[in-house]
Structures are given as C-alpha cells and as structure tokens.
Amino acid sequence: MGGSERNAVVFVSPIYYYDINAQLKAVIDRFYANDAVLHGDKKAVLMLTMADNNIETAKGAVKSFKGMMRYLEWNIAGTIVGVNCMTADMLKKTDFPRQAYELGKSL
C-alpha cells in the first residue's frame, strides 16, 4: 500500500447482554488465522452504543477490548460509549456523534 497505508482498526458494536454483538466477535475470532502478522504497530478504537444509561453495562466489553489490545500489542487510540442510544433519534440527542467525530479527527 505504499506510504498511504493505515494502521488503525475501529471496533463498533451495540452492547447486547453486557458484551459486543456476535457479528463483531466473529470478526475478532477470525484474527486467530493471522495472529502472527497482527501483533504490534497499530492503533485501535472501541465505539459502543447501548440503550442503558448505566456505563457499567459496557464494562465487560471494554475490559475484553483492553485485554485484546495488550495481547496484540496495539495502542488504544480511544474508547467511546454512547448511553441512552436505543434509537437513532435518541443517539442524536447524546454527545456520542460529536465524540466520535473528534476521535476520528485525532487519528
């Protein structure tokens, strides 16, 4: 990819039963097939949304993400959790879109 290669991965998921959704988990599980080439020199972002207003509901997903980052030796560029985001209209009333935009600009 030459000089334009990017080394950032953004993980995005709603919180279902205190964890990321199955679709994102399946993608992460596929990392195993390329484990040796994935280690080191990348940035990662975790973006979560949930209907609940208690940030503790996302605690397990954030902890798993941090553990995976330690294992892969990736740097965490940011974590954003949008609470009270059950619908698109609810999401628009939160600070989540602005936070996501600012984080994207910082990468």
N, C-alpha and C. Protein backbone atom coordinates (compact mmCIF):
# COMPACT_ATOMS: atom_id res chain seq x y z
N MET A 1 0.81 -1.20 0.00
CA MET A 1 0.00 0.00 0.00
C MET A 1 0.85 1.26 0.00
N GLY A 2 2.11 1.13 0.02
CA GLY A 2 2.99 2.30 -0.02
C GLY A 2 2.86 3.17 1.21
N GLY A 3 3.06 4.48 1.03
CA GLY A 3 3.04 5.41 2.14
C GLY A 3 1.67 5.74 2.66
N SER A 4 0.61 5.34 1.96
CA SER A 4 -0.74 5.68 2.40
C SER A 4 -1.35 4.61 3.31
N GLU A 5 -0.59 3.59 3.65
CA GLU A 5 -1.10 2.52 4.48
C GLU A 5 -1.52 3.05 5.85
N ARG A 6 -2.64 2.60 6.33
CA ARG A 6 -3.15 2.99 7.63
C ARG A 6 -3.05 1.82 8.59
N ASN A 7 -2.73 2.12 9.83
CA ASN A 7 -2.59 1.08 10.83
C ASN A 7 -3.53 1.34 11.99
N ALA A 8 -4.81 1.49 11.69
CA ALA A 8 -5.82 1.69 12.73
C ALA A 8 -6.99 0.77 12.45
N VAL A 9 -7.57 0.26 13.52
CA VAL A 9 -8.75 -0.60 13.44
C VAL A 9 -9.79 0.00 14.37
N VAL A 10 -11.02 0.16 13.86
CA VAL A 10 -12.11 0.70 14.67
C VAL A 10 -13.13 -0.42 14.88
N PHE A 11 -13.37 -0.73 16.13
CA PHE A 11 -14.34 -1.75 16.51
C PHE A 11 -15.61 -1.03 16.95
N VAL A 12 -16.74 -1.35 16.32
CA VAL A 12 -18.00 -0.68 16.61
C VAL A 12 -19.06 -1.74 16.88
N SER A 13 -19.79 -1.57 17.98
CA SER A 13 -20.82 -2.56 18.33
C SER A 13 -21.85 -1.96 19.28
N PRO A 14 -23.09 -2.42 19.16
CA PRO A 14 -24.03 -2.16 20.25
C PRO A 14 -23.70 -3.12 21.40
N ILE A 15 -24.12 -2.79 22.57
CA ILE A 15 -23.97 -3.69 23.71
C ILE A 15 -25.22 -4.56 23.79
N TYR A 16 -25.02 -5.86 23.73
CA TYR A 16 -26.10 -6.83 23.92
C TYR A 16 -25.71 -7.69 25.12
N TYR A 17 -26.53 -7.69 26.15
CA TYR A 17 -26.26 -8.51 27.33
C TYR A 17 -24.84 -8.33 27.85
N TYR A 18 -24.44 -7.09 28.02
CA TYR A 18 -23.17 -6.71 28.65
C TYR A 18 -21.93 -7.00 27.82
N ASP A 19 -22.08 -7.19 26.50
CA ASP A 19 -20.91 -7.50 25.67
C ASP A 19 -21.14 -7.01 24.25
N ILE A 20 -20.09 -7.12 23.41
CA ILE A 20 -20.22 -6.76 22.00
C ILE A 20 -21.15 -7.75 21.31
N ASN A 21 -21.60 -7.40 20.12
CA ASN A 21 -22.50 -8.30 19.41
C ASN A 21 -21.74 -9.47 18.77
N ALA A 22 -22.48 -10.48 18.38
CA ALA A 22 -21.88 -11.71 17.85
C ALA A 22 -21.16 -11.48 16.53
N GLN A 23 -21.66 -10.54 15.72
CA GLN A 23 -21.03 -10.29 14.43
C GLN A 23 -19.60 -9.76 14.60
N LEU A 24 -19.42 -8.81 15.51
CA LEU A 24 -18.07 -8.29 15.76
C LEU A 24 -17.19 -9.35 16.41
N LYS A 25 -17.75 -10.12 17.30
CA LYS A 25 -16.98 -11.19 17.95
C LYS A 25 -16.50 -12.20 16.92
N ALA A 26 -17.32 -12.50 15.93
CA ALA A 26 -16.92 -13.44 14.87
C ALA A 26 -15.74 -12.87 14.07
N VAL A 27 -15.76 -11.58 13.79
CA VAL A 27 -14.63 -10.95 13.07
C VAL A 27 -13.37 -11.06 13.92
N ILE A 28 -13.47 -10.73 15.19
CA ILE A 28 -12.30 -10.81 16.08
C ILE A 28 -11.77 -12.23 16.16
N ASP A 29 -12.66 -13.20 16.23
CA ASP A 29 -12.23 -14.60 16.29
C ASP A 29 -11.46 -15.00 15.03
N ARG A 30 -11.76 -14.38 13.91
CA ARG A 30 -11.04 -14.68 12.66
C ARG A 30 -9.61 -14.15 12.69
N PHE A 31 -9.31 -13.22 13.59
CA PHE A 31 -7.94 -12.73 13.75
C PHE A 31 -6.98 -13.89 14.00
N TYR A 32 -7.48 -14.93 14.65
CA TYR A 32 -6.63 -16.06 15.04
C TYR A 32 -5.88 -16.65 13.85
N ALA A 33 -6.52 -16.67 12.69
CA ALA A 33 -5.90 -17.24 11.50
C ALA A 33 -4.68 -16.44 11.04
N ASN A 34 -4.60 -15.17 11.44
CA ASN A 34 -3.49 -14.30 11.05
C ASN A 34 -2.77 -13.74 12.26
N ASP A 35 -2.80 -14.44 13.34
CA ASP A 35 -2.30 -13.94 14.61
C ASP A 35 -0.89 -13.38 14.54
N ALA A 36 0.02 -14.09 13.91
CA ALA A 36 1.42 -13.67 13.90
C ALA A 36 1.63 -12.32 13.22
N VAL A 37 0.90 -12.03 12.16
CA VAL A 37 1.10 -10.77 11.44
C VAL A 37 0.33 -9.61 12.04
N LEU A 38 -0.57 -9.88 12.95
CA LEU A 38 -1.39 -8.81 13.53
C LEU A 38 -0.74 -8.11 14.72
N HIS A 39 0.25 -8.69 15.31
CA HIS A 39 0.83 -8.12 16.53
C HIS A 39 1.60 -6.83 16.26
N GLY A 40 1.38 -5.85 17.14
CA GLY A 40 2.16 -4.61 17.16
C GLY A 40 1.84 -3.60 16.09
N ASP A 41 2.24 -2.34 16.39
CA ASP A 41 2.24 -1.23 15.45
C ASP A 41 0.88 -0.89 14.84
N LYS A 42 -0.17 -0.91 15.64
CA LYS A 42 -1.48 -0.50 15.19
C LYS A 42 -2.17 0.31 16.29
N LYS A 43 -3.10 1.13 15.87
CA LYS A 43 -3.97 1.84 16.80
C LYS A 43 -5.34 1.19 16.72
N ALA A 44 -6.08 1.26 17.82
CA ALA A 44 -7.43 0.69 17.82
C ALA A 44 -8.36 1.61 18.59
N VAL A 45 -9.60 1.63 18.15
CA VAL A 45 -10.66 2.41 18.78
C VAL A 45 -11.82 1.47 19.06
N LEU A 46 -12.47 1.68 20.19
CA LEU A 46 -13.69 0.94 20.52
C LEU A 46 -14.82 1.93 20.63
N MET A 47 -15.88 1.70 19.86
CA MET A 47 -17.07 2.55 19.92
C MET A 47 -18.28 1.66 20.20
N LEU A 48 -18.96 1.96 21.30
CA LEU A 48 -20.09 1.17 21.73
C LEU A 48 -21.32 2.06 21.90
N THR A 49 -22.48 1.51 21.63
CA THR A 49 -23.73 2.18 21.96
C THR A 49 -24.60 1.20 22.73
N MET A 50 -25.50 1.77 23.55
CA MET A 50 -26.39 0.90 24.30
C MET A 50 -27.63 1.68 24.74
N ALA A 51 -28.70 0.96 24.96
CA ALA A 51 -29.95 1.58 25.40
C ALA A 51 -29.87 2.00 26.86
N ASP A 52 -29.12 1.27 27.64
CA ASP A 52 -28.99 1.52 29.08
C ASP A 52 -28.31 2.86 29.32
N ASN A 53 -28.56 3.43 30.48
CA ASN A 53 -27.89 4.69 30.82
C ASN A 53 -26.80 4.49 31.86
N ASN A 54 -26.52 3.24 32.21
CA ASN A 54 -25.50 2.91 33.20
C ASN A 54 -24.24 2.44 32.49
N ILE A 55 -23.19 3.21 32.57
CA ILE A 55 -21.93 2.91 31.88
C ILE A 55 -21.37 1.54 32.30
N GLU A 56 -21.73 1.08 33.48
CA GLU A 56 -21.26 -0.23 33.96
C GLU A 56 -21.69 -1.36 33.04
N THR A 57 -22.77 -1.16 32.29
CA THR A 57 -23.26 -2.19 31.38
C THR A 57 -22.23 -2.52 30.30
N ALA A 58 -21.37 -1.58 29.96
CA ALA A 58 -20.35 -1.79 28.93
C ALA A 58 -19.01 -2.23 29.51
N LYS A 59 -18.92 -2.34 30.81
CA LYS A 59 -17.64 -2.62 31.48
C LYS A 59 -16.98 -3.91 30.99
N GLY A 60 -17.74 -4.97 30.78
CA GLY A 60 -17.18 -6.24 30.32
C GLY A 60 -16.61 -6.14 28.92
N ALA A 61 -17.31 -5.45 28.03
CA ALA A 61 -16.84 -5.28 26.65
C ALA A 61 -15.56 -4.46 26.63
N VAL A 62 -15.50 -3.41 27.43
CA VAL A 62 -14.30 -2.56 27.48
C VAL A 62 -13.12 -3.35 28.04
N LYS A 63 -13.37 -4.14 29.05
CA LYS A 63 -12.30 -4.94 29.65
C LYS A 63 -11.75 -5.96 28.65
N SER A 64 -12.64 -6.61 27.92
CA SER A 64 -12.20 -7.58 26.89
C SER A 64 -11.38 -6.89 25.81
N PHE A 65 -11.83 -5.71 25.39
CA PHE A 65 -11.11 -4.93 24.38
C PHE A 65 -9.70 -4.59 24.87
N LYS A 66 -9.59 -4.13 26.09
CA LYS A 66 -8.28 -3.77 26.64
C LYS A 66 -7.37 -4.99 26.72
N GLY A 67 -7.91 -6.12 27.08
CA GLY A 67 -7.12 -7.35 27.12
C GLY A 67 -6.63 -7.76 25.75
N MET A 68 -7.50 -7.64 24.76
CA MET A 68 -7.12 -7.98 23.39
C MET A 68 -6.03 -7.02 22.90
N MET A 69 -6.12 -5.76 23.27
CA MET A 69 -5.12 -4.78 22.85
C MET A 69 -3.75 -5.09 23.48
N ARG A 70 -3.76 -5.49 24.75
CA ARG A 70 -2.50 -5.89 25.39
C ARG A 70 -1.89 -7.09 24.67
N TYR A 71 -2.72 -8.08 24.38
CA TYR A 71 -2.24 -9.28 23.71
C TYR A 71 -1.67 -8.97 22.32
N LEU A 72 -2.38 -8.15 21.54
CA LEU A 72 -1.94 -7.82 20.19
C LEU A 72 -0.86 -6.74 20.15
N GLU A 73 -0.61 -6.13 21.30
CA GLU A 73 0.37 -5.04 21.42
C GLU A 73 -0.02 -3.85 20.55
N TRP A 74 -1.33 -3.54 20.55
CA TRP A 74 -1.85 -2.40 19.83
C TRP A 74 -2.07 -1.27 20.82
N ASN A 75 -2.02 -0.04 20.34
CA ASN A 75 -2.28 1.13 21.18
C ASN A 75 -3.75 1.52 21.10
N ILE A 76 -4.34 1.78 22.23
CA ILE A 76 -5.73 2.21 22.27
C ILE A 76 -5.77 3.71 21.99
N ALA A 77 -6.38 4.07 20.87
CA ALA A 77 -6.48 5.48 20.47
C ALA A 77 -7.72 6.14 21.07
N GLY A 78 -8.65 5.34 21.57
CA GLY A 78 -9.83 5.91 22.20
C GLY A 78 -10.92 4.88 22.41
N THR A 79 -11.77 5.18 23.37
CA THR A 79 -12.94 4.36 23.66
C THR A 79 -14.10 5.31 23.91
N ILE A 80 -15.19 5.09 23.21
CA ILE A 80 -16.38 5.92 23.38
C ILE A 80 -17.56 5.00 23.62
N VAL A 81 -18.35 5.32 24.65
CA VAL A 81 -19.54 4.55 24.96
C VAL A 81 -20.73 5.51 24.94
N GLY A 82 -21.65 5.25 24.04
CA GLY A 82 -22.86 6.06 23.95
C GLY A 82 -23.99 5.42 24.75
N VAL A 83 -24.41 6.11 25.79
CA VAL A 83 -25.53 5.61 26.60
C VAL A 83 -26.84 6.23 26.12
N ASN A 84 -27.95 5.62 26.46
CA ASN A 84 -29.28 6.08 26.05
C ASN A 84 -29.39 6.18 24.52
N CYS A 85 -28.89 5.18 23.83
CA CYS A 85 -28.86 5.21 22.36
C CYS A 85 -29.67 4.05 21.78
N MET A 86 -30.89 3.88 22.24
CA MET A 86 -31.71 2.76 21.76
C MET A 86 -32.17 2.98 20.32
N THR A 87 -32.41 4.22 19.94
CA THR A 87 -32.87 4.54 18.58
C THR A 87 -31.97 5.62 17.99
N ALA A 88 -32.08 5.81 16.68
CA ALA A 88 -31.29 6.86 16.02
C ALA A 88 -31.65 8.23 16.57
N ASP A 89 -32.92 8.46 16.87
CA ASP A 89 -33.32 9.75 17.44
C ASP A 89 -32.72 9.96 18.82
N MET A 90 -32.66 8.90 19.62
CA MET A 90 -32.05 9.00 20.95
C MET A 90 -30.55 9.28 20.81
N LEU A 91 -29.91 8.62 19.85
CA LEU A 91 -28.47 8.80 19.64
C LEU A 91 -28.17 10.27 19.30
N LYS A 92 -29.00 10.87 18.47
CA LYS A 92 -28.79 12.26 18.06
C LYS A 92 -28.85 13.23 19.24
N LYS A 93 -29.51 12.84 20.31
CA LYS A 93 -29.66 13.70 21.49
C LYS A 93 -28.49 13.55 22.46
N THR A 94 -27.54 12.68 22.13
CA THR A 94 -26.39 12.46 23.01
C THR A 94 -25.15 13.16 22.45
N ASP A 95 -24.09 13.08 23.20
CA ASP A 95 -22.80 13.65 22.79
C ASP A 95 -21.98 12.64 21.97
N PHE A 96 -22.51 11.44 21.78
CA PHE A 96 -21.79 10.37 21.10
C PHE A 96 -21.33 10.76 19.69
N PRO A 97 -22.20 11.32 18.83
CA PRO A 97 -21.74 11.68 17.48
C PRO A 97 -20.58 12.69 17.49
N ARG A 98 -20.62 13.68 18.36
CA ARG A 98 -19.53 14.66 18.44
C ARG A 98 -18.25 13.99 18.92
N GLN A 99 -18.36 13.14 19.93
CA GLN A 99 -17.18 12.43 20.44
C GLN A 99 -16.56 11.56 19.35
N ALA A 100 -17.40 10.87 18.59
CA ALA A 100 -16.91 10.00 17.52
C ALA A 100 -16.21 10.85 16.44
N TYR A 101 -16.80 11.96 16.10
CA TYR A 101 -16.19 12.85 15.10
C TYR A 101 -14.84 13.35 15.56
N GLU A 102 -14.77 13.81 16.79
CA GLU A 102 -13.50 14.34 17.34
C GLU A 102 -12.44 13.25 17.41
N LEU A 103 -12.84 12.06 17.81
CA LEU A 103 -11.88 10.94 17.85
C LEU A 103 -11.37 10.62 16.45
N GLY A 104 -12.27 10.59 15.48
CA GLY A 104 -11.85 10.34 14.11
C GLY A 104 -10.87 11.36 13.60
N LYS A 105 -11.10 12.62 13.92
CA LYS A 105 -10.17 13.69 13.52
C LYS A 105 -8.80 13.51 14.14
N SER A 106 -8.77 12.97 15.36
CA SER A 106 -7.50 12.83 16.07
C SER A 106 -6.64 11.69 15.54
N LEU A 107 -7.24 10.79 14.78
CA LEU A 107 -6.47 9.68 14.23
C LEU A 107 -5.67 10.19 13.08
